[in-house]
Structures are given as structure tokens and as C-alpha cells.
């Protein structure tokens, strides 16, 4: 009996003895902890490999968006991306099996190129394989986008009619009218042949720009400001084309009673100096009209040419045929690669990217007024206004040109209402401000028609005393910035 009690006491003591539990539990936990630590190492190594692969993919997709590759086709750019991945990926992952597929696609309507690499693979585990997890998945997609700057043909249509010989300042307008009685700085070869009473019998244009020290007024006329603005825009177009890695064609034409091309080139960056020289060319044609951007010189009042003063044709001084000029510009005579974009436009302009047909943009710099012979009589009218009376055309040239995918940028040089001039009040004012409405910018029919002629967002107005050069450069910058959104 004592033996039994003693044995029970020993068993109870053994059962109640808790020394050594920690060691036992630690031993039991070490196995899963070892595998957990091992899996952590596997995951960290896999993650490290994933990051390296992502860096390779990011670098590769950008290869399609370099200036050089942006000029190439999608297929060639895609090949460059794929090749860069194939070369760099193996060295980044130390032989781990992974595949990557590159795609490059350009949206022609927006000009946005998207470069993509999608890669997948399996990272082999060391510890996980004991638990049956032999690999960890690798994979991701890297995407990069950039807009392709388009090639553009620019066509400038510049007003050089006698009204462009207005002074650029209010003070100049007053000085011109007080000195000559001719508010529009009449540019006559024979000022003594009519009743305009120009001072000293001089050509009023020459008198206006002659320095005051030599007996003239020494005024800065609007046409000079326009010439400076076009020259500045030539420089801006050349530098922008070079910076964007694109080609800008440029055609400069002027209009008065007719439209005449001043200069044309398929690449303004290479020919900016020649274009500037042409704009400033003072040499004259057989009729005595300057070849550059200078105002038309009429022979005398109501007569452009001494030899022909028939009011039913170009011999009269109906000398602002802007609608006729637009009609010529809309003729499908595109020129060729050897002589530039031509002085008329494509009927189907392209997107201007990846070797395609260039985009087309028409710049108009004018006071927006017609002064022409139409329907048997002399007509003053807003530009492209077939729906009003009087009118100077049966065709809405602005809408027709824009309908062909050609954008129009219009720099409207405010047609100054000179109410002290009898010809203005009797012939122009009833058209510019019909029905005796107040002479305000909101009622200016020339401005309204010019804005309607322009494409959305591409209209700018410069008033007397305004900076035409800054306005034209800003309008050009806006055209280039929005070129990718044309189609």
C-alpha cells in the first residue's frame, strides 16, 4: 500500500513539473519559423528581381519616344524597344526565365504614341519548394506615352491693299489726316493727277514714312508692323520646327486687287534667311508694285495703272479682293517637294506624322474688308460673306476651306472707323456698322466676319496702338500647340 502511494506521489510530481517547456515549445516552433523565414527570403529576392525587370521595361518603352524614334514607323520603334528589352533583361535577372513583349502604336488622330512592354516569368524558390511552392510569379506592364509633333504647311495670306498704309498709332492717324487730307495714306505714283491734294505733290506713302528731318511725317505704318511681324514669325517657325524635330513648309502670299506669292519653301528652318529677304524685297514688277510685303501703289485716284483705268476690271482702284484671294488659295495646286508647299493648298491635308501628308494651316492677316468689283458695281463687304448685302462673293470660302480639314488662323487688324473722312462715312461705315448702330467692337461686322472665318480658338484682334508682332507670334504658338488636336 505504501508502495502504491509513493508511486502516485512521484507520478503527480512528474506531471506537475513545468521545467523544460520553453525548450520543448521552441523546438516545435523552429520548423515553421525556419520555413517562414525562408519564404521571406524567397519573396524578397523575387521582389528584387521584379524591381530590376520593371526598370528594364521602363527604360525600354522610353526608347520608342526619343526624337529619333518618333520620326520612325511604329514597327521600327517597336523593334527598337523589343531589342533593348532582349539585351538588358537577361543581365538584370541572372538567368531567371522571363518573357517580355513590346508594342508601339500611334493614334493618328491625336498624334499620341503609346509604347508598352508586358513581361511575365517565374522566380524559382529555395525554401518554398520544400512546401511545394516551387516558384513565385513575376510580371508587370510598363507604359509610356508621348505626342508626335506634326509636320505642317503654313500658308500666309497678307493684306497689302492701300488701307494697310495706315499709321499704327492714333496720333499717327491724326497727323496723316491733318497733313494730307487722306486718312488712308494714299499710295499714289502720281498724286498731282487727281484732287487728293497730297502735300508737295509727293506719293503720300513716301511722305508718311520719310523722317521728319527730311520734310516728311516719319510715321510707322501698319504695313511695316505687319512686315516685321511676318519676319519674326519666320524666325519663330524655323526655331520651333528645329526644336520639335519636324518640317514646316511656308508659303507667303499677299493680296490687294490680286493675289501674288512672295515666297515658298518646303522647309523654313533651312530657308528662313531667304524668306526674310523676300518679305523685305523692295524691287518692283512691271506695274511698279513691290515684290515684297509693301502696300499697293496706285497710279492715281480711281486708277491702279496709268494704262488702264477701266472700273470693270483690275485697272480701277477696287484693290482689296480678299475673297478672290481665298478662292485662289483653295485651288488644288499643291506644288511639289522641290518647290515647297505651293501657294495654294491641299484639298485633303493629312495628320502630318510618320511620313504622312502634312497638316495645313492658313494664316490671314487683314483688316477683313472687301473692296472689289462684284455684280456690276463696286462693293465693300466683310470677308467671305455671301449671306449679306452687299456681298463680294457667292461662295463662303472660309467654310469651304475649313471643311477640307484646313485650319484658318485670322489676325484681324481693326478697320479703323475714321468718321471725319467722307468716303469712309459714305461707303464703308454703312457696311461695317449697318443700320446706324453704335461704333463699338461688338458691332464691327468686319471683326465678326473675321472671327467666323477663323477656326475655333484661332482668332486674334489687334487695335490701333497694338503690338502686331506679339499677336502674330502668339497666334502661331497657339496653332502649333493645338496642331495635334486638328483631326
Protein backbone atom coordinates (compact mmCIF):
# COMPACT_ATOMS: atom_id res chain seq x y z
CA UNK A 1 0.00 0.00 0.00
CA UNK A 2 2.82 2.39 0.87
CA UNK A 3 4.48 1.48 -2.35
CA UNK A 4 1.37 2.44 -4.32
CA UNK A 5 1.04 5.79 -2.51
CA UNK A 6 4.68 6.57 -3.11
CA UNK A 7 4.37 5.78 -6.81
CA UNK A 8 1.32 8.03 -7.13
CA UNK A 9 3.12 10.89 -5.43
CA UNK A 10 6.03 10.56 -7.84
CA UNK A 11 3.71 10.49 -10.86
CA UNK A 12 1.81 13.60 -9.63
CA UNK A 13 5.07 15.41 -9.05
CA UNK A 14 6.29 14.50 -12.51
CA UNK A 15 3.05 15.65 -14.04
CA UNK A 16 3.13 18.95 -12.18
CA UNK A 17 6.79 19.68 -13.04
CA UNK A 18 6.83 22.53 -15.71
CA UNK A 19 10.55 22.94 -16.10
CA UNK A 20 11.79 22.50 -19.79
CA UNK A 21 8.51 23.64 -21.51
CA UNK A 22 10.16 26.57 -23.27
CA UNK A 23 12.79 24.37 -24.82
CA UNK A 24 10.18 21.94 -25.99
CA UNK A 25 7.95 24.63 -27.47
CA UNK A 26 10.90 26.32 -29.15
CA UNK A 27 11.87 23.05 -30.72
CA UNK A 28 8.38 22.57 -32.02
CA UNK A 29 8.13 26.15 -33.41
CA UNK A 30 11.57 26.22 -35.06
CA UNK A 31 10.39 24.18 -38.02
CA UNK A 32 7.59 26.53 -39.24
CA UNK A 33 9.69 29.59 -38.32
CA UNK A 34 12.53 28.31 -40.47
CA UNK A 35 10.20 27.85 -43.44
CA UNK A 36 8.58 31.26 -42.85
CA UNK A 37 11.99 32.92 -42.79
CA UNK A 38 13.00 31.04 -45.89
CA UNK A 39 9.83 32.10 -47.71
CA UNK A 40 10.53 35.69 -46.68
CA UNK A 41 13.95 35.44 -48.26
CA UNK A 42 12.45 33.90 -51.39
CA UNK A 43 9.87 36.71 -51.60
CA UNK A 44 12.48 39.43 -51.06
CA UNK A 45 14.69 38.00 -53.79
CA UNK A 46 11.72 37.69 -56.14
CA UNK A 47 10.68 41.26 -55.37
CA UNK A 48 14.21 42.46 -56.05
CA UNK A 49 14.15 40.72 -59.41
CA UNK A 50 10.73 42.24 -60.16
CA UNK A 51 12.06 45.74 -59.47
CA UNK A 52 15.03 45.16 -61.77
CA UNK A 53 12.76 43.90 -64.54
CA UNK A 54 10.46 46.88 -64.09
CA UNK A 55 13.43 49.21 -64.50
CA UNK A 56 14.48 47.45 -67.69
CA UNK A 57 10.92 47.65 -69.02
CA UNK A 58 10.61 51.35 -68.15
CA UNK A 59 13.87 52.10 -69.89
CA UNK A 60 12.91 50.07 -72.95
CA UNK A 61 9.49 51.67 -73.54
CA UNK A 62 11.06 55.12 -73.49
CA UNK A 63 13.25 54.12 -76.40
CA UNK A 64 10.25 54.48 -78.74
CA UNK A 65 9.77 58.09 -77.68
CA UNK A 66 13.21 59.55 -78.36
CA UNK A 67 13.35 62.31 -81.01
CA UNK A 68 14.96 59.88 -83.45
CA UNK A 69 12.43 57.08 -82.95
CA UNK A 70 9.48 59.47 -83.06
CA UNK A 71 10.25 60.05 -86.73
CA UNK A 72 10.14 56.32 -87.46
CA UNK A 73 7.23 54.00 -88.07
CA UNK A 74 5.54 52.15 -85.22
CA UNK A 75 7.02 48.87 -86.44
CA UNK A 76 10.59 50.20 -86.40
CA UNK A 77 10.12 51.82 -83.00
CA UNK A 78 8.63 48.61 -81.62
CA UNK A 79 11.60 46.63 -82.90
CA UNK A 80 13.93 49.06 -81.09
CA UNK A 81 12.02 48.61 -77.83
CA UNK A 82 11.96 44.84 -78.12
CA UNK A 83 15.67 44.69 -78.89
CA UNK A 84 16.55 46.84 -75.88
CA UNK A 85 14.49 44.55 -73.63
CA UNK A 86 16.04 41.42 -75.06
CA UNK A 87 19.54 42.75 -74.41
CA UNK A 88 19.05 44.17 -70.92
CA UNK A 89 16.57 41.80 -69.29
CA UNK A 90 18.86 38.68 -69.02
CA UNK A 91 21.63 40.61 -67.30
CA UNK A 92 19.14 42.06 -64.82
CA UNK A 93 17.67 38.75 -63.67
CA UNK A 94 20.69 36.42 -63.61
CA UNK A 95 19.25 33.75 -65.83
CA UNK A 96 15.72 33.64 -64.38
CA UNK A 97 13.33 32.73 -67.15
CA UNK A 98 11.13 35.68 -68.19
CA UNK A 99 9.50 36.83 -71.41
CA UNK A 100 8.63 40.36 -72.49
CA UNK A 101 6.57 41.55 -75.45
CA UNK A 102 6.77 45.12 -76.76
CA UNK A 103 4.05 47.01 -78.63
CA UNK A 104 4.21 50.51 -80.10
CA UNK A 105 1.14 52.17 -81.53
CA UNK A 106 0.44 55.74 -82.63
CA UNK A 107 -3.04 57.20 -82.69
CA UNK A 108 -3.05 59.16 -85.94
CA UNK A 109 -6.00 61.29 -84.91
CA UNK A 110 -4.30 62.61 -81.77
CA UNK A 111 -0.63 62.12 -82.63
CA UNK A 112 -0.05 60.26 -79.35
CA UNK A 113 2.35 57.30 -79.45
CA UNK A 114 1.96 54.62 -76.77
CA UNK A 115 4.89 52.31 -76.05
CA UNK A 116 4.21 49.22 -73.92
CA UNK A 117 6.09 46.17 -72.57
CA UNK A 118 4.32 43.37 -70.74
CA UNK A 119 6.61 40.82 -69.09
CA UNK A 120 5.92 37.57 -67.21
CA UNK A 121 8.08 34.94 -65.56
CA UNK A 122 8.59 32.60 -62.58
CA UNK A 123 11.17 33.09 -59.85
CA UNK A 124 12.45 29.69 -58.52
CA UNK A 125 12.27 29.43 -54.72
CA UNK A 126 14.82 27.75 -52.42
CA UNK A 127 12.82 27.23 -49.22
CA UNK A 128 9.35 27.30 -50.70
CA UNK A 129 9.99 24.25 -52.81
CA UNK A 130 10.08 22.12 -49.60
CA UNK A 131 6.47 23.18 -49.04
CA UNK A 132 5.55 22.60 -52.68
CA UNK A 133 5.82 26.29 -53.68
CA UNK A 134 8.49 25.93 -56.31
CA UNK A 135 8.15 29.40 -57.96
CA UNK A 136 6.85 32.88 -57.31
CA UNK A 137 5.20 34.80 -60.20
CA UNK A 138 6.89 37.78 -61.84
CA UNK A 139 5.13 40.20 -64.16
CA UNK A 140 4.05 43.72 -64.87
CA UNK A 141 3.30 46.18 -67.67
CA UNK A 142 5.28 49.35 -68.37
CA UNK A 143 3.64 52.09 -70.46
CA UNK A 144 4.98 55.39 -71.79
CA UNK A 145 3.28 57.98 -73.98
CA UNK A 146 4.36 61.00 -75.93
CA UNK A 147 2.85 63.25 -78.59
CA UNK A 148 4.42 63.39 -82.00
CA UNK A 149 4.85 66.92 -83.29
CA UNK A 150 3.29 67.05 -86.77
CA UNK A 151 4.74 68.37 -89.99
CA UNK A 152 2.73 71.41 -91.08
CA UNK A 153 2.46 73.52 -94.21
CA UNK A 154 1.70 77.12 -93.30
CA UNK A 155 0.13 79.46 -95.86
CA UNK A 156 0.22 83.17 -95.09
CA UNK A 157 -2.21 85.48 -96.87
CA UNK A 158 -1.23 89.06 -96.05
CA UNK A 159 -3.27 92.16 -96.88
CA UNK A 160 -1.16 94.72 -98.75
CA UNK A 161 -4.00 96.91 -100.00
CA UNK A 162 -3.69 100.70 -99.60
CA UNK A 163 -5.58 100.62 -96.28
CA UNK A 164 -2.57 98.81 -94.83
CA UNK A 165 -0.67 102.07 -95.21
CA UNK A 166 -2.50 103.43 -92.18
CA UNK A 167 -0.31 104.65 -89.31
CA UNK A 168 -0.17 102.22 -86.41
CA UNK A 169 -0.96 104.79 -83.72
CA UNK A 170 -3.87 107.10 -83.03
CA UNK A 171 -1.53 110.09 -83.07
CA UNK A 172 -0.18 108.98 -86.42
CA UNK A 173 -3.66 108.72 -87.91
CA UNK A 174 -4.39 112.28 -86.82
CA UNK A 175 -1.08 113.55 -88.18
CA UNK A 176 -1.64 111.84 -91.54
CA UNK A 177 -5.13 113.22 -92.00
CA UNK A 178 -4.15 116.72 -90.90
CA UNK A 179 -1.17 116.80 -93.24
CA UNK A 180 -2.70 115.31 -96.36
CA UNK A 181 -6.44 115.13 -96.03
CA UNK A 182 -6.13 111.47 -96.96
CA UNK A 183 -6.78 109.29 -93.95
CA UNK A 184 -5.75 106.10 -95.70
CA UNK A 185 -2.21 107.23 -96.56
CA UNK A 186 -3.00 107.08 -100.27
CA UNK A 187 -0.10 105.42 -102.03
CA UNK A 188 -0.09 107.14 -105.42
CA UNK A 189 2.53 107.25 -108.11
CA UNK A 190 1.03 110.49 -109.45
CA UNK A 191 -0.57 112.35 -106.56
CA UNK A 192 -0.86 115.56 -108.61
CA UNK A 193 -3.01 113.81 -111.23
CA UNK A 194 -6.20 113.98 -109.16
CA UNK A 195 -7.88 116.06 -106.49
CA UNK A 196 -6.41 114.45 -103.36
CA UNK A 197 -4.06 117.43 -102.84
CA UNK A 198 -1.23 115.36 -101.39
CA UNK A 199 1.46 117.63 -99.90
CA UNK A 200 4.26 118.74 -102.15
CA UNK A 201 2.95 116.51 -104.92
CA UNK A 202 4.60 113.51 -103.23
CA UNK A 203 3.50 109.93 -103.05
CA UNK A 204 1.65 110.05 -99.75
CA UNK A 205 3.12 106.73 -98.61
CA UNK A 206 6.64 108.03 -99.10
CA UNK A 207 5.69 111.28 -97.41
CA UNK A 208 4.30 109.34 -94.44
CA UNK A 209 7.41 107.27 -93.80
CA UNK A 210 10.03 109.90 -94.65
CA UNK A 211 11.81 111.09 -91.48
CA UNK A 212 10.54 114.38 -90.18
CA UNK A 213 14.03 115.85 -90.53
CA UNK A 214 13.63 115.49 -94.30
CA UNK A 215 10.23 117.13 -94.51
CA UNK A 216 8.04 114.07 -94.08
CA UNK A 217 5.89 112.82 -91.22
CA UNK A 218 8.17 109.98 -90.16
CA UNK A 219 5.28 107.65 -89.29
CA UNK A 220 5.41 103.94 -88.59
CA UNK A 221 2.74 102.44 -90.84
CA UNK A 222 0.72 99.29 -90.30
CA UNK A 223 2.27 97.52 -93.29
CA UNK A 224 5.72 97.98 -91.75
CA UNK A 225 4.47 96.49 -88.49
CA UNK A 226 3.00 93.56 -90.44
CA UNK A 227 6.27 93.07 -92.30
CA UNK A 228 8.16 93.00 -89.01
CA UNK A 229 5.60 90.57 -87.58
CA UNK A 230 5.90 88.17 -90.51
CA UNK A 231 9.69 88.33 -90.31
CA UNK A 232 9.52 87.50 -86.60
CA UNK A 233 7.13 84.63 -87.25
CA UNK A 234 9.52 83.21 -89.86
CA UNK A 235 12.21 83.08 -87.20
CA UNK A 236 9.83 81.53 -84.67
CA UNK A 237 8.65 78.91 -87.17
CA UNK A 238 12.23 77.95 -88.02
CA UNK A 239 13.30 77.58 -84.38
CA UNK A 240 10.11 75.72 -83.41
CA UNK A 241 10.49 73.27 -86.29
CA UNK A 242 14.08 72.58 -85.29
CA UNK A 243 13.20 72.14 -81.62
CA UNK A 244 10.33 69.76 -82.42
CA UNK A 245 12.31 67.78 -84.99
CA UNK A 246 9.67 68.40 -87.68
CA UNK A 247 9.40 70.10 -91.04
CA UNK A 248 7.37 73.25 -91.59
CA UNK A 249 6.65 74.35 -95.12
CA UNK A 250 5.87 78.04 -95.54
CA UNK A 251 4.21 79.94 -98.34
CA UNK A 252 3.77 83.71 -98.08
CA UNK A 253 1.32 85.45 -100.40
CA UNK A 254 -0.02 88.97 -100.47
CA UNK A 255 -3.26 90.29 -101.84
CA UNK A 256 -4.68 93.59 -103.00
CA UNK A 257 -6.58 93.60 -106.31
CA UNK A 258 -4.95 90.22 -106.95
CA UNK A 259 -3.07 87.54 -105.02
CA UNK A 260 0.67 87.15 -105.54
CA UNK A 261 3.08 84.71 -103.99
CA UNK A 262 6.03 86.35 -102.26
CA UNK A 263 7.94 83.23 -101.21
CA UNK A 264 7.55 79.48 -100.81
CA UNK A 265 9.72 76.77 -99.25
CA UNK A 266 9.18 73.17 -98.13
CA UNK A 267 11.50 73.70 -95.14
CA UNK A 268 11.51 77.05 -93.38
CA UNK A 269 14.29 76.01 -91.00
CA UNK A 270 16.74 75.77 -93.90
CA UNK A 271 15.43 78.84 -95.70
CA UNK A 272 14.49 81.39 -93.03
CA UNK A 273 17.00 83.94 -94.33
CA UNK A 274 15.72 83.65 -97.90
CA UNK A 275 12.13 84.03 -96.71
CA UNK A 276 13.00 87.18 -94.74
CA UNK A 277 14.79 88.65 -97.76
CA UNK A 278 11.74 88.00 -99.94
CA UNK A 279 9.42 89.68 -97.43
CA UNK A 280 11.61 92.79 -97.40
CA UNK A 281 12.24 92.89 -101.17
CA UNK A 282 11.68 96.42 -102.49
CA UNK A 283 12.20 95.53 -106.17
CA UNK A 284 9.12 96.14 -108.32
CA UNK A 285 7.29 94.25 -111.04
CA UNK A 286 6.28 95.59 -114.45
CA UNK A 287 3.38 97.51 -112.90
CA UNK A 288 5.60 99.14 -110.29
CA UNK A 289 4.32 97.04 -107.39
CA UNK A 290 6.93 95.97 -104.84
CA UNK A 291 7.66 92.24 -104.79
CA UNK A 292 7.87 92.07 -101.01
CA UNK A 293 5.24 92.87 -98.39
CA UNK A 294 4.63 96.51 -99.22
CA UNK A 295 1.34 98.32 -99.88
CA UNK A 296 -0.05 98.53 -103.39
CA UNK A 297 0.84 101.77 -105.12
CA UNK A 298 -2.00 103.01 -107.32
CA UNK A 299 -1.31 105.45 -110.15
CA UNK A 300 -3.93 107.93 -109.04
CA UNK A 301 -7.38 108.09 -107.51
CA UNK A 302 -9.68 105.50 -109.17
CA UNK A 303 -6.85 104.15 -111.29
CA UNK A 304 -4.36 101.46 -110.31
CA UNK A 305 -2.48 101.52 -113.60
CA UNK A 306 -1.86 104.53 -115.80
CA UNK A 307 -2.55 102.47 -118.91
CA UNK A 308 -5.87 101.02 -117.77
CA UNK A 309 -8.47 102.76 -115.63
CA UNK A 310 -11.49 100.70 -116.63
CA UNK A 311 -13.58 100.36 -113.45
CA UNK A 312 -14.89 96.95 -114.52
CA UNK A 313 -11.51 95.27 -114.15
CA UNK A 314 -8.25 95.40 -112.21
CA UNK A 315 -7.41 98.76 -113.72
CA UNK A 316 -9.66 100.54 -111.23
CA UNK A 317 -8.73 101.04 -107.59
CA UNK A 318 -11.04 98.35 -106.28
CA UNK A 319 -7.99 96.93 -104.67
CA UNK A 320 -8.86 94.56 -101.79
CA UNK A 321 -10.07 91.30 -103.32
CA UNK A 322 -9.77 89.08 -100.23
CA UNK A 323 -12.47 86.63 -101.30
CA UNK A 324 -10.92 86.20 -104.72
CA UNK A 325 -7.60 85.57 -102.98
CA UNK A 326 -9.19 82.89 -100.79
CA UNK A 327 -10.61 81.30 -103.92
CA UNK A 328 -7.15 81.13 -105.45
CA UNK A 329 -5.72 79.68 -102.24
CA UNK A 330 -8.38 76.99 -102.33
CA UNK A 331 -7.37 75.85 -105.80
CA UNK A 332 -5.98 72.31 -105.80
CA UNK A 333 -2.48 73.27 -106.93
CA UNK A 334 -0.21 71.76 -104.32
CA UNK A 335 3.20 72.39 -105.80
CA UNK A 336 5.81 69.71 -105.30
CA UNK A 337 8.51 68.67 -102.89
CA UNK A 338 11.08 70.54 -104.96
CA UNK A 339 9.46 73.95 -104.83
CA UNK A 340 7.72 73.91 -101.49
CA UNK A 341 4.12 73.55 -100.43
CA UNK A 342 2.93 75.74 -103.27
CA UNK A 343 0.90 78.86 -102.77
CA UNK A 344 -2.38 77.03 -102.78
CA UNK A 345 -3.41 74.20 -100.54
CA UNK A 346 -4.08 70.51 -100.49
CA UNK A 347 -7.74 69.61 -100.67
CA UNK A 348 -7.09 66.69 -98.32
CA UNK A 349 -4.44 67.58 -95.71
CA UNK A 350 -3.09 64.77 -93.56
CA UNK A 351 -2.14 64.24 -89.95
CA UNK A 352 1.44 65.33 -90.55
CA UNK A 353 3.13 62.45 -88.70
CA UNK A 354 5.11 59.33 -89.58
CA UNK A 355 5.81 60.40 -93.15
CA UNK A 356 2.19 61.22 -93.91
CA UNK A 357 0.81 64.27 -95.67
CA UNK A 358 1.44 67.46 -93.66
CA UNK A 359 -1.29 69.31 -91.84
CA UNK A 360 -2.43 72.56 -93.47
CA UNK A 361 -2.94 75.93 -91.79
CA UNK A 362 -3.93 79.19 -93.49
CA UNK A 363 -2.93 82.44 -91.76
CA UNK A 364 -4.85 85.57 -92.78
CA UNK A 365 -3.55 88.98 -91.75
CA UNK A 366 -6.03 91.65 -92.80
CA UNK A 367 -8.50 94.33 -91.77
CA UNK A 368 -11.16 91.97 -93.13
CA UNK A 369 -12.70 94.36 -95.63
CA UNK A 370 -13.52 93.68 -99.27
CA UNK A 371 -13.15 96.48 -101.79
CA UNK A 372 -13.75 94.89 -105.13
CA UNK A 373 -15.84 94.81 -108.28
CA UNK A 374 -18.73 92.35 -108.00
CA UNK A 375 -22.14 92.06 -109.62
CA UNK A 376 -21.61 95.10 -111.83
CA UNK A 377 -20.59 97.58 -109.14
CA UNK A 378 -18.01 98.45 -106.53
CA UNK A 379 -18.57 96.51 -103.33
CA UNK A 380 -17.39 96.96 -99.76
CA UNK A 381 -18.17 93.89 -97.67
CA UNK A 382 -16.86 91.72 -94.82
CA UNK A 383 -14.70 88.74 -95.72
CA UNK A 384 -16.47 85.64 -97.02
CA UNK A 385 -19.99 86.96 -96.55
CA UNK A 386 -22.29 85.54 -99.24
CA UNK A 387 -25.31 85.77 -96.97
CA UNK A 388 -25.36 89.57 -96.62
CA UNK A 389 -25.94 92.50 -98.90
CA UNK A 390 -23.83 93.97 -100.31
CA UNK A 391 -21.66 90.95 -100.90
CA UNK A 392 -18.43 90.27 -102.73
CA UNK A 393 -18.74 86.54 -103.31
CA UNK A 394 -21.23 83.78 -103.92
CA UNK A 395 -19.04 81.32 -102.05
CA UNK A 396 -18.31 81.08 -98.34
CA UNK A 397 -14.63 80.42 -98.90
CA UNK A 398 -13.76 80.27 -95.21
CA UNK A 399 -16.26 77.50 -94.52
CA UNK A 400 -15.26 75.65 -97.66
CA UNK A 401 -11.57 75.71 -96.75
CA UNK A 402 -12.20 74.65 -93.15
CA UNK A 403 -14.48 71.91 -94.41
CA UNK A 404 -11.48 70.34 -96.12
CA UNK A 405 -9.67 69.94 -92.80
CA UNK A 406 -7.56 73.07 -93.24
CA UNK A 407 -7.46 75.31 -90.19
CA UNK A 408 -7.66 79.09 -90.53
CA UNK A 409 -5.88 81.46 -88.15
CA UNK A 410 -7.09 85.04 -88.56
CA UNK A 411 -5.21 88.08 -87.25
CA UNK A 412 -7.74 90.89 -87.62
CA UNK A 413 -6.21 94.36 -87.78
CA UNK A 414 -9.06 96.59 -86.71
CA UNK A 415 -10.53 98.53 -89.61
CA UNK A 416 -10.35 101.97 -88.05
CA UNK A 417 -13.58 103.97 -88.44
CA UNK A 418 -12.45 107.43 -89.49
CA UNK A 419 -15.71 109.32 -89.25
CA UNK A 420 -14.12 112.59 -90.39
CA UNK A 421 -13.42 111.04 -93.80
CA UNK A 422 -16.34 111.45 -96.22
CA UNK A 423 -15.51 108.37 -98.26
CA UNK A 424 -15.49 106.22 -95.15
CA UNK A 425 -18.80 107.56 -93.84
CA UNK A 426 -20.45 107.31 -97.23
CA UNK A 427 -19.25 103.90 -98.38
CA UNK A 428 -17.56 101.86 -95.65
CA UNK A 429 -19.36 102.77 -92.44
CA UNK A 430 -22.79 101.55 -93.68
CA UNK A 431 -21.23 98.11 -94.21
CA UNK A 432 -19.01 97.97 -91.14
CA UNK A 433 -21.70 99.39 -88.83
CA UNK A 434 -25.03 98.87 -90.68
CA UNK A 435 -28.33 100.46 -89.70
CA UNK A 436 -26.55 103.27 -87.86
CA UNK A 437 -25.56 101.04 -84.94
CA UNK A 438 -23.08 102.37 -82.41
CA UNK A 439 -19.43 102.22 -83.47
CA UNK A 440 -18.24 99.62 -81.00
CA UNK A 441 -16.15 96.48 -81.34
CA UNK A 442 -19.21 94.35 -80.68
CA UNK A 443 -20.94 95.84 -83.76
CA UNK A 444 -17.94 95.70 -86.11
CA UNK A 445 -19.14 93.49 -88.98
CA UNK A 446 -15.60 93.14 -90.33
CA UNK A 447 -14.44 91.75 -86.97
CA UNK A 448 -17.46 89.45 -86.68
CA UNK A 449 -16.88 88.02 -90.16
CA UNK A 450 -13.15 87.56 -89.49
CA UNK A 451 -13.86 85.66 -86.28
CA UNK A 452 -16.39 83.47 -88.09
CA UNK A 453 -13.80 82.80 -90.77
CA UNK A 454 -11.22 81.60 -88.23
CA UNK A 455 -11.13 78.11 -86.79
CA UNK A 456 -12.18 77.78 -83.15
CA UNK A 457 -9.67 79.47 -80.86
CA UNK A 458 -7.53 80.84 -83.69
CA UNK A 459 -8.79 84.43 -83.92
CA UNK A 460 -6.91 87.45 -82.63
CA UNK A 461 -7.68 91.15 -82.99
CA UNK A 462 -5.14 93.96 -82.81
CA UNK A 463 -6.37 97.51 -82.42
CA UNK A 464 -4.59 100.74 -83.27
CA UNK A 465 -1.57 101.14 -80.97
CA UNK A 466 -1.47 97.33 -80.50
CA UNK A 467 1.55 95.07 -80.98
CA UNK A 468 1.04 93.13 -84.22
CA UNK A 469 4.30 91.20 -83.86
CA UNK A 470 3.42 89.86 -80.42
CA UNK A 471 -0.10 89.00 -81.58
CA UNK A 472 1.07 87.08 -84.66
CA UNK A 473 3.71 85.14 -82.72
CA UNK A 474 1.17 84.25 -80.04
CA UNK A 475 -1.28 83.09 -82.71
CA UNK A 476 1.42 80.96 -84.33
CA UNK A 477 2.30 79.39 -80.99
CA UNK A 478 -1.37 78.59 -80.40
CA UNK A 479 -1.65 76.95 -83.82
CA UNK A 480 1.39 74.74 -83.17
CA UNK A 481 0.25 73.86 -79.65
CA UNK A 482 -3.16 72.71 -80.86
CA UNK A 483 -2.00 71.06 -84.08
CA UNK A 484 -2.30 67.52 -82.64
CA UNK A 485 -6.00 68.09 -81.95
CA UNK A 486 -6.92 69.02 -85.50
CA UNK A 487 -8.48 65.79 -86.68
